[in-house]
Amino acid sequence: MPEWLTAFSGWLLGLGPRYGVNPVVFAALYVGSIPFFFVALAWTIRRIRSRRPAVIPALITGFFFLSAYLYVLVFGHGLPWWVYPAILALVSTGAVSAIRRARSAA
């Protein structure tokens, strides 16, 4: 493995104990929730298309979309101030994208 990659992974994994967030758990939540997010999004779109209530599927979709960030917000401690605006920006951008996708599909 290249030296820079070893140094980067050591730095990244070293952040876990410092801030109370395990990068491996974050990555697992982030990647692992993707299929569930798309299934819930499809469920939401089907409910909207059939003109049936879509609140529960939309909430479940939102949960899977936010799960990794919720992990950081709940278990993280002593996080730098810029983490909160960064999470807000990521969530906002992703939410706008998901809403546009759902509207175009519905």
PDB file of N, CA and C in Angstrom:
ATOM      1  N   MET A   1       0.857  -1.171   0.000  1.00  0.00           N
ATOM      2  CA  MET A   1       0.000   0.000   0.000  1.00  0.00           C
ATOM      3  C   MET A   1       0.903   1.234   0.000  1.00  0.00           C
ATOM      4  N   PRO A   2       0.560   2.242  -0.798  1.00  0.00           N
ATOM      5  CA  PRO A   2       1.386   3.455  -0.828  1.00  0.00           C
ATOM      6  C   PRO A   2       1.437   4.126   0.549  1.00  0.00           C
ATOM      7  N   GLU A   3       2.542   4.782   0.800  1.00  0.00           N
ATOM      8  CA  GLU A   3       2.742   5.411   2.112  1.00  0.00           C
ATOM      9  C   GLU A   3       1.677   6.460   2.413  1.00  0.00           C
ATOM     10  N   TRP A   4       1.294   7.253   1.397  1.00  0.00           N
ATOM     11  CA  TRP A   4       0.295   8.299   1.624  1.00  0.00           C
ATOM     12  C   TRP A   4      -1.055   7.704   1.996  1.00  0.00           C
ATOM     13  N   LEU A   5      -1.393   6.527   1.424  1.00  0.00           N
ATOM     14  CA  LEU A   5      -2.663   5.881   1.737  1.00  0.00           C
ATOM     15  C   LEU A   5      -2.641   5.312   3.149  1.00  0.00           C
ATOM     16  N   THR A   6      -1.509   4.773   3.551  1.00  0.00           N
ATOM     17  CA  THR A   6      -1.360   4.281   4.917  1.00  0.00           C
ATOM     18  C   THR A   6      -1.491   5.423   5.906  1.00  0.00           C
ATOM     19  N   ALA A   7      -0.857   6.549   5.604  1.00  0.00           N
ATOM     20  CA  ALA A   7      -0.936   7.721   6.485  1.00  0.00           C
ATOM     21  C   ALA A   7      -2.363   8.252   6.557  1.00  0.00           C
ATOM     22  N   PHE A   8      -3.041   8.311   5.404  1.00  0.00           N
ATOM     23  CA  PHE A   8      -4.411   8.819   5.373  1.00  0.00           C
ATOM     24  C   PHE A   8      -5.349   7.918   6.158  1.00  0.00           C
ATOM     25  N   SER A   9      -5.248   6.608   5.964  1.00  0.00           N
ATOM     26  CA  SER A   9      -6.135   5.690   6.683  1.00  0.00           C
ATOM     27  C   SER A   9      -5.845   5.717   8.181  1.00  0.00           C
ATOM     28  N   GLY A  10      -4.582   5.861   8.559  1.00  0.00           N
ATOM     29  CA  GLY A  10      -4.244   5.992   9.980  1.00  0.00           C
ATOM     30  C   GLY A  10      -4.840   7.243  10.584  1.00  0.00           C
ATOM     31  N   TRP A  11      -4.775   8.347   9.850  1.00  0.00           N
ATOM     32  CA  TRP A  11      -5.362   9.607  10.317  1.00  0.00           C
ATOM     33  C   TRP A  11      -6.879   9.478  10.444  1.00  0.00           C
ATOM     34  N   LEU A  12      -7.507   8.903   9.417  1.00  0.00           N
ATOM     35  CA  LEU A  12      -8.954   8.778   9.403  1.00  0.00           C
ATOM     36  C   LEU A  12      -9.445   7.893  10.542  1.00  0.00           C
ATOM     37  N   LEU A  13      -8.817   6.747  10.726  1.00  0.00           N
ATOM     38  CA  LEU A  13      -9.219   5.848  11.804  1.00  0.00           C
ATOM     39  C   LEU A  13      -8.892   6.430  13.173  1.00  0.00           C
ATOM     40  N   GLY A  14      -7.904   7.309  13.249  1.00  0.00           N
ATOM     41  CA  GLY A  14      -7.567   7.970  14.506  1.00  0.00           C
ATOM     42  C   GLY A  14      -8.606   8.987  14.950  1.00  0.00           C
ATOM     43  N   LEU A  15      -9.454   9.425  14.032  1.00  0.00           N
ATOM     44  CA  LEU A  15     -10.505  10.380  14.381  1.00  0.00           C
ATOM     45  C   LEU A  15     -11.609   9.735  15.217  1.00  0.00           C
ATOM     46  N   GLY A  16     -11.791   8.431  15.066  1.00  0.00           N
ATOM     47  CA  GLY A  16     -12.848   7.723  15.783  1.00  0.00           C
ATOM     48  C   GLY A  16     -12.788   7.921  17.287  1.00  0.00           C
ATOM     49  N   PRO A  17     -11.703   7.542  17.937  1.00  0.00           N
ATOM     50  CA  PRO A  17     -11.631   7.716  19.386  1.00  0.00           C
ATOM     51  C   PRO A  17     -11.682   9.189  19.806  1.00  0.00           C
ATOM     52  N   ARG A  18     -11.138  10.053  18.999  1.00  0.00           N
ATOM     53  CA  ARG A  18     -11.098  11.478  19.344  1.00  0.00           C
ATOM     54  C   ARG A  18     -12.491  12.095  19.395  1.00  0.00           C
ATOM     55  N   TYR A  19     -13.357  11.707  18.441  1.00  0.00           N
ATOM     56  CA  TYR A  19     -14.690  12.305  18.350  1.00  0.00           C
ATOM     57  C   TYR A  19     -15.826  11.354  18.692  1.00  0.00           C
ATOM     58  N   GLY A  20     -15.520  10.130  19.052  1.00  0.00           N
ATOM     59  CA  GLY A  20     -16.546   9.178  19.454  1.00  0.00           C
ATOM     60  C   GLY A  20     -17.339   8.594  18.301  1.00  0.00           C
ATOM     61  N   VAL A  21     -16.827   8.722  17.093  1.00  0.00           N
ATOM     62  CA  VAL A  21     -17.504   8.191  15.915  1.00  0.00           C
ATOM     63  C   VAL A  21     -16.550   7.230  15.210  1.00  0.00           C
ATOM     64  N   ASN A  22     -16.984   6.011  15.053  1.00  0.00           N
ATOM     65  CA  ASN A  22     -16.163   5.009  14.379  1.00  0.00           C
ATOM     66  C   ASN A  22     -16.337   5.166  12.868  1.00  0.00           C
ATOM     67  N   PRO A  23     -15.271   5.506  12.134  1.00  0.00           N
ATOM     68  CA  PRO A  23     -15.397   5.684  10.683  1.00  0.00           C
ATOM     69  C   PRO A  23     -15.893   4.438   9.953  1.00  0.00           C
ATOM     70  N   VAL A  24     -15.582   3.260  10.470  1.00  0.00           N
ATOM     71  CA  VAL A  24     -16.038   2.020   9.835  1.00  0.00           C
ATOM     72  C   VAL A  24     -17.556   1.876  10.002  1.00  0.00           C
ATOM     73  N   VAL A  25     -18.070   2.202  11.184  1.00  0.00           N
ATOM     74  CA  VAL A  25     -19.517   2.150  11.413  1.00  0.00           C
ATOM     75  C   VAL A  25     -20.211   3.185  10.535  1.00  0.00           C
ATOM     76  N   PHE A  26     -19.647   4.397  10.463  1.00  0.00           N
ATOM     77  CA  PHE A  26     -20.222   5.436   9.609  1.00  0.00           C
ATOM     78  C   PHE A  26     -20.287   4.955   8.157  1.00  0.00           C
ATOM     79  N   ALA A  27     -19.190   4.409   7.658  1.00  0.00           N
ATOM     80  CA  ALA A  27     -19.148   3.938   6.266  1.00  0.00           C
ATOM     81  C   ALA A  27     -20.141   2.798   6.049  1.00  0.00           C
ATOM     82  N   ALA A  28     -20.247   1.899   7.020  1.00  0.00           N
ATOM     83  CA  ALA A  28     -21.193   0.787   6.902  1.00  0.00           C
ATOM     84  C   ALA A  28     -22.630   1.302   6.866  1.00  0.00           C
ATOM     85  N   LEU A  29     -22.932   2.267   7.709  1.00  0.00           N
ATOM     86  CA  LEU A  29     -24.272   2.858   7.686  1.00  0.00           C
ATOM     87  C   LEU A  29     -24.523   3.596   6.383  1.00  0.00           C
ATOM     88  N   TYR A  30     -23.534   4.334   5.949  1.00  0.00           N
ATOM     89  CA  TYR A  30     -23.670   5.144   4.736  1.00  0.00           C
ATOM     90  C   TYR A  30     -23.919   4.259   3.513  1.00  0.00           C
ATOM     91  N   VAL A  31     -23.097   3.244   3.354  1.00  0.00           N
ATOM     92  CA  VAL A  31     -23.205   2.363   2.186  1.00  0.00           C
ATOM     93  C   VAL A  31     -24.339   1.350   2.377  1.00  0.00           C
ATOM     94  N   GLY A  32     -24.465   0.827   3.580  1.00  0.00           N
ATOM     95  CA  GLY A  32     -25.476  -0.196   3.840  1.00  0.00           C
ATOM     96  C   GLY A  32     -26.904   0.295   3.744  1.00  0.00           C
ATOM     97  N   SER A  33     -27.120   1.583   3.955  1.00  0.00           N
ATOM     98  CA  SER A  33     -28.488   2.110   3.898  1.00  0.00           C
ATOM     99  C   SER A  33     -28.940   2.426   2.474  1.00  0.00           C
ATOM    100  N   ILE A  34     -28.024   2.438   1.526  1.00  0.00           N
ATOM    101  CA  ILE A  34     -28.371   2.815   0.149  1.00  0.00           C
ATOM    102  C   ILE A  34     -29.457   1.916  -0.447  1.00  0.00           C
ATOM    103  N   PRO A  35     -29.346   0.586  -0.394  1.00  0.00           N
ATOM    104  CA  PRO A  35     -30.417  -0.222  -0.977  1.00  0.00           C
ATOM    105  C   PRO A  35     -31.764  -0.003  -0.282  1.00  0.00           C
ATOM    106  N   PHE A  36     -31.740   0.140   1.046  1.00  0.00           N
ATOM    107  CA  PHE A  36     -32.975   0.372   1.788  1.00  0.00           C
ATOM    108  C   PHE A  36     -33.590   1.725   1.431  1.00  0.00           C
ATOM    109  N   PHE A  37     -32.731   2.710   1.215  1.00  0.00           N
ATOM    110  CA  PHE A  37     -33.203   4.027   0.797  1.00  0.00           C
ATOM    111  C   PHE A  37     -33.937   3.931  -0.538  1.00  0.00           C
ATOM    112  N   PHE A  38     -33.346   3.251  -1.504  1.00  0.00           N
ATOM    113  CA  PHE A  38     -33.975   3.161  -2.823  1.00  0.00           C
ATOM    114  C   PHE A  38     -35.271   2.347  -2.786  1.00  0.00           C
ATOM    115  N   VAL A  39     -35.314   1.312  -1.967  1.00  0.00           N
ATOM    116  CA  VAL A  39     -36.557   0.545  -1.823  1.00  0.00           C
ATOM    117  C   VAL A  39     -37.638   1.428  -1.198  1.00  0.00           C
ATOM    118  N   ALA A  40     -37.283   2.165  -0.164  1.00  0.00           N
ATOM    119  CA  ALA A  40     -38.257   3.050   0.483  1.00  0.00           C
ATOM    120  C   ALA A  40     -38.675   4.180  -0.451  1.00  0.00           C
ATOM    121  N   LEU A  41     -37.746   4.691  -1.244  1.00  0.00           N
ATOM    122  CA  LEU A  41     -38.078   5.739  -2.206  1.00  0.00           C
ATOM    123  C   LEU A  41     -39.048   5.208  -3.260  1.00  0.00           C
ATOM    124  N   ALA A  42     -38.808   4.009  -3.746  1.00  0.00           N
ATOM    125  CA  ALA A  42     -39.721   3.403  -4.721  1.00  0.00           C
ATOM    126  C   ALA A  42     -41.102   3.201  -4.099  1.00  0.00           C
ATOM    127  N   TRP A  43     -41.149   2.775  -2.847  1.00  0.00           N
ATOM    128  CA  TRP A  43     -42.409   2.601  -2.136  1.00  0.00           C
ATOM    129  C   TRP A  43     -43.141   3.940  -2.045  1.00  0.00           C
ATOM    130  N   THR A  44     -42.406   4.987  -1.687  1.00  0.00           N
ATOM    131  CA  THR A  44     -42.991   6.325  -1.589  1.00  0.00           C
ATOM    132  C   THR A  44     -43.557   6.773  -2.936  1.00  0.00           C
ATOM    133  N   ILE A  45     -42.799   6.575  -3.989  1.00  0.00           N
ATOM    134  CA  ILE A  45     -43.249   6.986  -5.324  1.00  0.00           C
ATOM    135  C   ILE A  45     -44.491   6.202  -5.742  1.00  0.00           C
ATOM    136  N   ARG A  46     -44.506   4.900  -5.466  1.00  0.00           N
ATOM    137  CA  ARG A  46     -45.695   4.095  -5.799  1.00  0.00           C
ATOM    138  C   ARG A  46     -46.926   4.595  -5.045  1.00  0.00           C
ATOM    139  N   ARG A  47     -46.744   4.945  -3.785  1.00  0.00           N
ATOM    140  CA  ARG A  47     -47.884   5.452  -2.991  1.00  0.00           C
ATOM    141  C   ARG A  47     -48.371   6.790  -3.542  1.00  0.00           C
ATOM    142  N   ILE A  48     -47.441   7.655  -3.926  1.00  0.00           N
ATOM    143  CA  ILE A  48     -47.829   8.958  -4.479  1.00  0.00           C
ATOM    144  C   ILE A  48     -48.558   8.766  -5.804  1.00  0.00           C
ATOM    145  N   ARG A  49     -48.038   7.903  -6.656  1.00  0.00           N
ATOM    146  CA  ARG A  49     -48.669   7.651  -7.957  1.00  0.00           C
ATOM    147  C   ARG A  49     -50.084   7.101  -7.809  1.00  0.00           C
ATOM    148  N   SER A  50     -50.287   6.264  -6.818  1.00  0.00           N
ATOM    149  CA  SER A  50     -51.613   5.676  -6.618  1.00  0.00           C
ATOM    150  C   SER A  50     -52.512   6.572  -5.767  1.00  0.00           C
ATOM    151  N   ARG A  51     -52.028   7.768  -5.461  1.00  0.00           N
ATOM    152  CA  ARG A  51     -52.779   8.761  -4.683  1.00  0.00           C
ATOM    153  C   ARG A  51     -53.193   8.234  -3.308  1.00  0.00           C
ATOM    154  N   ARG A  52     -52.299   7.449  -2.714  1.00  0.00           N
ATOM    155  CA  ARG A  52     -52.510   6.946  -1.362  1.00  0.00           C
ATOM    156  C   ARG A  52     -51.562   7.677  -0.428  1.00  0.00           C
ATOM    157  N   PRO A  53     -51.861   7.685   0.870  1.00  0.00           N
ATOM    158  CA  PRO A  53     -50.983   8.387   1.819  1.00  0.00           C
ATOM    159  C   PRO A  53     -49.548   7.861   1.742  1.00  0.00           C
ATOM    160  N   ALA A  54     -48.599   8.783   1.719  1.00  0.00           N
ATOM    161  CA  ALA A  54     -47.191   8.403   1.573  1.00  0.00           C
ATOM    162  C   ALA A  54     -46.338   8.913   2.726  1.00  0.00           C
ATOM    163  N   VAL A  55     -46.962   9.275   3.828  1.00  0.00           N
ATOM    164  CA  VAL A  55     -46.202   9.844   4.947  1.00  0.00           C
ATOM    165  C   VAL A  55     -45.247   8.820   5.548  1.00  0.00           C
ATOM    166  N   ILE A  56     -45.741   7.635   5.842  1.00  0.00           N
ATOM    167  CA  ILE A  56     -44.888   6.609   6.470  1.00  0.00           C
ATOM    168  C   ILE A  56     -43.737   6.220   5.538  1.00  0.00           C
ATOM    169  N   PRO A  57     -44.001   5.904   4.266  1.00  0.00           N
ATOM    170  CA  PRO A  57     -42.866   5.586   3.383  1.00  0.00           C
ATOM    171  C   PRO A  57     -41.884   6.745   3.248  1.00  0.00           C
ATOM    172  N   ALA A  58     -42.390   7.976   3.232  1.00  0.00           N
ATOM    173  CA  ALA A  58     -41.497   9.131   3.123  1.00  0.00           C
ATOM    174  C   ALA A  58     -40.636   9.277   4.378  1.00  0.00           C
ATOM    175  N   LEU A  59     -41.213   9.029   5.550  1.00  0.00           N
ATOM    176  CA  LEU A  59     -40.434   9.084   6.793  1.00  0.00           C
ATOM    177  C   LEU A  59     -39.361   8.003   6.829  1.00  0.00           C
ATOM    178  N   ILE A  60     -39.719   6.807   6.366  1.00  0.00           N
ATOM    179  CA  ILE A  60     -38.742   5.717   6.319  1.00  0.00           C
ATOM    180  C   ILE A  60     -37.632   6.043   5.331  1.00  0.00           C
ATOM    181  N   THR A  61     -38.007   6.612   4.189  1.00  0.00           N
ATOM    182  CA  THR A  61     -37.006   7.042   3.204  1.00  0.00           C
ATOM    183  C   THR A  61     -36.060   8.055   3.822  1.00  0.00           C
ATOM    184  N   GLY A  62     -36.624   9.024   4.522  1.00  0.00           N
ATOM    185  CA  GLY A  62     -35.804  10.039   5.188  1.00  0.00           C
ATOM    186  C   GLY A  62     -34.879   9.447   6.230  1.00  0.00           C
ATOM    187  N   PHE A  63     -35.369   8.467   6.982  1.00  0.00           N
ATOM    188  CA  PHE A  63     -34.527   7.833   7.991  1.00  0.00           C
ATOM    189  C   PHE A  63     -33.314   7.165   7.354  1.00  0.00           C
ATOM    190  N   PHE A  64     -33.548   6.411   6.284  1.00  0.00           N
ATOM    191  CA  PHE A  64     -32.411   5.743   5.637  1.00  0.00           C
ATOM    192  C   PHE A  64     -31.460   6.749   5.004  1.00  0.00           C
ATOM    193  N   PHE A  65     -32.011   7.859   4.516  1.00  0.00           N
ATOM    194  CA  PHE A  65     -31.173   8.898   3.940  1.00  0.00           C
ATOM    195  C   PHE A  65     -30.287   9.542   5.012  1.00  0.00           C
ATOM    196  N   LEU A  66     -30.808   9.687   6.223  1.00  0.00           N
ATOM    197  CA  LEU A  66     -30.101  10.398   7.292  1.00  0.00           C
ATOM    198  C   LEU A  66     -29.338   9.490   8.253  1.00  0.00           C
ATOM    199  N   SER A  67     -29.463   8.182   8.141  1.00  0.00           N
ATOM    200  CA  SER A  67     -28.960   7.274   9.175  1.00  0.00           C
ATOM    201  C   SER A  67     -27.487   7.489   9.534  1.00  0.00           C
ATOM    202  N   ALA A  68     -26.613   7.619   8.559  1.00  0.00           N
ATOM    203  CA  ALA A  68     -25.189   7.794   8.868  1.00  0.00           C
ATOM    204  C   ALA A  68     -24.940   9.136   9.552  1.00  0.00           C
ATOM    205  N   TYR A  69     -25.645  10.172   9.104  1.00  0.00           N
ATOM    206  CA  TYR A  69     -25.465  11.493   9.717  1.00  0.00           C
ATOM    207  C   TYR A  69     -26.062  11.535  11.119  1.00  0.00           C
ATOM    208  N   LEU A  70     -27.168  10.819  11.324  1.00  0.00           N
ATOM    209  CA  LEU A  70     -27.743  10.730  12.674  1.00  0.00           C
ATOM    210  C   LEU A  70     -26.756  10.058  13.625  1.00  0.00           C
ATOM    211  N   TYR A  71     -26.060   9.047  13.125  1.00  0.00           N
ATOM    212  CA  TYR A  71     -25.040   8.376  13.937  1.00  0.00           C
ATOM    213  C   TYR A  71     -23.991   9.381  14.408  1.00  0.00           C
ATOM    214  N   VAL A  72     -23.521  10.217  13.499  1.00  0.00           N
ATOM    215  CA  VAL A  72     -22.514  11.224  13.856  1.00  0.00           C
ATOM    216  C   VAL A  72     -23.088  12.209  14.877  1.00  0.00           C
ATOM    217  N   LEU A  73     -24.303  12.685  14.637  1.00  0.00           N
ATOM    218  CA  LEU A  73     -24.897  13.681  15.535  1.00  0.00           C
ATOM    219  C   LEU A  73     -25.208  13.117  16.912  1.00  0.00           C
ATOM    220  N   VAL A  74     -25.607  11.850  16.981  1.00  0.00           N
ATOM    221  CA  VAL A  74     -25.964  11.250  18.270  1.00  0.00           C
ATOM    222  C   VAL A  74     -24.729  10.831  19.059  1.00  0.00           C
ATOM    223  N   PHE A  75     -23.769  10.188  18.410  1.00  0.00           N
ATOM    224  CA  PHE A  75     -22.639   9.620  19.131  1.00  0.00           C
ATOM    225  C   PHE A  75     -21.379  10.480  19.101  1.00  0.00           C
ATOM    226  N   GLY A  76     -21.325  11.442  18.213  1.00  0.00           N
ATOM    227  CA  GLY A  76     -20.143  12.289  18.131  1.00  0.00           C
ATOM    228  C   GLY A  76     -20.073  13.262  19.306  1.00  0.00           C
ATOM    229  N   HIS A  77     -18.872  13.540  19.751  1.00  0.00           N
ATOM    230  CA  HIS A  77     -18.675  14.531  20.814  1.00  0.00           C
ATOM    231  C   HIS A  77     -17.421  15.338  20.504  1.00  0.00           C
ATOM    232  N   GLY A  78     -17.473  16.607  20.833  1.00  0.00           N
ATOM    233  CA  GLY A  78     -16.329  17.470  20.586  1.00  0.00           C
ATOM    234  C   GLY A  78     -16.043  17.678  19.108  1.00  0.00           C
ATOM    235  N   LEU A  79     -17.080  17.563  18.283  1.00  0.00           N
ATOM    236  CA  LEU A  79     -16.889  17.732  16.841  1.00  0.00           C
ATOM    237  C   LEU A  79     -16.556  19.186  16.526  1.00  0.00           C
ATOM    238  N   PRO A  80     -15.728  19.438  15.523  1.00  0.00           N
ATOM    239  CA  PRO A  80     -15.452  20.820  15.132  1.00  0.00           C
ATOM    240  C   PRO A  80     -16.748  21.509  14.682  1.00  0.00           C
ATOM    241  N   TRP A  81     -16.811  22.816  14.819  1.00  0.00           N
ATOM    242  CA  TRP A  81     -18.028  23.568  14.504  1.00  0.00           C
ATOM    243  C   TRP A  81     -18.464  23.388  13.056  1.00  0.00           C
ATOM    244  N   TRP A  82     -17.499  23.208  12.146  1.00  0.00           N
ATOM    245  CA  TRP A  82     -17.820  23.153  10.726  1.00  0.00           C
ATOM    246  C   TRP A  82     -18.494  21.842  10.315  1.00  0.00           C
ATOM    247  N   VAL A  83     -18.471  20.837  11.195  1.00  0.00           N
ATOM    248  CA  VAL A  83     -19.105  19.563  10.869  1.00  0.00           C
ATOM    249  C   VAL A  83     -20.618  19.740  10.731  1.00  0.00           C
ATOM    250  N   TYR A  84     -21.211  20.562  11.593  1.00  0.00           N
ATOM    251  CA  TYR A  84     -22.657  20.742  11.571  1.00  0.00           C
ATOM    252  C   TYR A  84     -23.134  21.429  10.294  1.00  0.00           C
ATOM    253  N   PRO A  85     -22.503  22.537   9.860  1.00  0.00           N
ATOM    254  CA  PRO A  85     -22.910  23.099   8.564  1.00  0.00           C
ATOM    255  C   PRO A  85     -22.620  22.167   7.388  1.00  0.00           C
ATOM    256  N   ALA A  86     -21.545  21.380   7.483  1.00  0.00           N
ATOM    257  CA  ALA A  86     -21.237  20.443   6.405  1.00  0.00           C
ATOM    258  C   ALA A  86     -22.322  19.370   6.298  1.00  0.00           C
ATOM    259  N   ILE A  87     -22.762  18.835   7.442  1.00  0.00           N
ATOM    260  CA  ILE A  87     -23.843  17.844   7.432  1.00  0.00           C
ATOM    261  C   ILE A  87     -25.123  18.478   6.895  1.00  0.00           C
ATOM    262  N   LEU A  88     -25.420  19.692   7.325  1.00  0.00           N
ATOM    263  CA  LEU A  88     -26.612  20.387   6.838  1.00  0.00           C
ATOM    264  C   LEU A  88     -26.553  20.574   5.318  1.00  0.00           C
ATOM    265  N   ALA A  89     -25.393  20.961   4.802  1.00  0.00           N
ATOM    266  CA  ALA A  89     -25.239  21.153   3.354  1.00  0.00           C
ATOM    267  C   ALA A  89     -25.401  19.833   2.604  1.00  0.00           C
ATOM    268  N   LEU A  90     -24.786  18.768   3.106  1.00  0.00           N
ATOM    269  CA  LEU A  90     -24.900  17.457   2.455  1.00  0.00           C
ATOM    270  C   LEU A  90     -26.343  16.957   2.462  1.00  0.00           C
ATOM    271  N   VAL A  91     -26.997  17.081   3.603  1.00  0.00           N
ATOM    272  CA  VAL A  91     -28.377  16.618   3.721  1.00  0.00           C
ATOM    273  C   VAL A  91     -29.300  17.452   2.836  1.00  0.00           C
ATOM    274  N   SER A  92     -29.110  18.763   2.834  1.00  0.00           N
ATOM    275  CA  SER A  92     -29.958  19.639   2.010  1.00  0.00           C
ATOM    276  C   SER A  92     -29.805  19.327   0.529  1.00  0.00           C
ATOM    277  N   THR A  93     -28.583  19.197   0.081  1.00  0.00           N
ATOM    278  CA  THR A  93     -28.331  18.886  -1.329  1.00  0.00           C
ATOM    279  C   THR A  93     -28.925  17.533  -1.703  1.00  0.00           C
ATOM    280  N   GLY A  94     -28.717  16.555  -0.869  1.00  0.00           N
ATOM    281  CA  GLY A  94     -29.261  15.229  -1.134  1.00  0.00           C
ATOM    282  C   GLY A  94     -30.777  15.206  -1.100  1.00  0.00           C
ATOM    283  N   ALA A  95     -31.377  15.947  -0.168  1.00  0.00           N
ATOM    284  CA  ALA A  95     -32.835  15.991  -0.074  1.00  0.00           C
ATOM    285  C   ALA A  95     -33.441  16.634  -1.315  1.00  0.00           C
ATOM    286  N   VAL A  96     -32.864  17.727  -1.770  1.00  0.00           N
ATOM    287  CA  VAL A  96     -33.353  18.381  -2.988  1.00  0.00           C
ATOM    288  C   VAL A  96     -33.262  17.413  -4.164  1.00  0.00           C
ATOM    289  N   SER A  97     -32.159  16.711  -4.276  1.00  0.00           N
ATOM    290  CA  SER A  97     -31.984  15.744  -5.356  1.00  0.00           C
ATOM    291  C   SER A  97     -33.016  14.628  -5.275  1.00  0.00           C
ATOM    292  N   ALA A  98     -33.235  14.091  -4.078  1.00  0.00           N
ATOM    293  CA  ALA A  98     -34.207  13.002  -3.906  1.00  0.00           C
ATOM    294  C   ALA A  98     -35.622  13.471  -4.197  1.00  0.00           C
ATOM    295  N   ILE A  99     -35.967  14.673  -3.769  1.00  0.00           N
ATOM    296  CA  ILE A  99     -37.305  15.207  -4.028  1.00  0.00           C
ATOM    297  C   ILE A  99     -37.511  15.414  -5.518  1.00  0.00           C
ATOM    298  N   ARG A 100     -36.518  15.953  -6.187  1.00  0.00           N
ATOM    299  CA  ARG A 100     -36.618  16.134  -7.654  1.00  0.00           C
ATOM    300  C   ARG A 100     -36.789  14.790  -8.355  1.00  0.00           C
ATOM    301  N   ARG A 101     -36.028  13.802  -7.919  1.00  0.00           N
ATOM    302  CA  ARG A 101     -36.122  12.465  -8.520  1.00  0.00           C
ATOM    303  C   ARG A 101     -37.517  11.882  -8.292  1.00  0.00           C
ATOM    304  N   ALA A 102     -38.023  12.038  -7.082  1.00  0.00           N
ATOM    305  CA  ALA A 102     -39.352  11.484  -6.772  1.00  0.00           C
ATOM    306  C   ALA A 102     -40.434  12.211  -7.570  1.00  0.00           C
ATOM    307  N   ARG A 103     -40.331  13.522  -7.694  1.00  0.00           N
ATOM    308  CA  ARG A 103     -41.338  14.272  -8.448  1.00  0.00           C
ATOM    309  C   ARG A 103     -41.315  13.922  -9.925  1.00  0.00           C
ATOM    310  N   SER A 104     -40.134  13.746 -10.473  1.00  0.00           N
ATOM    311  CA  SER A 104     -40.056  13.412 -11.907  1.00  0.00           C
ATOM    312  C   SER A 104     -40.556  11.995 -12.160  1.00  0.00           C
ATOM    313  N   ALA A 105     -40.415  11.113 -11.182  1.00  0.00           N
ATOM    314  CA  ALA A 105     -40.863   9.739 -11.344  1.00  0.00           C
ATOM    315  C   ALA A 105     -42.361   9.596 -11.080  1.00  0.00           C
ATOM    316  N   ALA A 106     -42.908  10.489 -10.264  1.00  0.00           N
ATOM    317  CA  ALA A 106     -44.325  10.364  -9.883  1.00  0.00           C
ATOM    318  C   ALA A 106     -45.250  10.973 -10.869  1.00  0.00           C
TER     319      ALA A 106
END
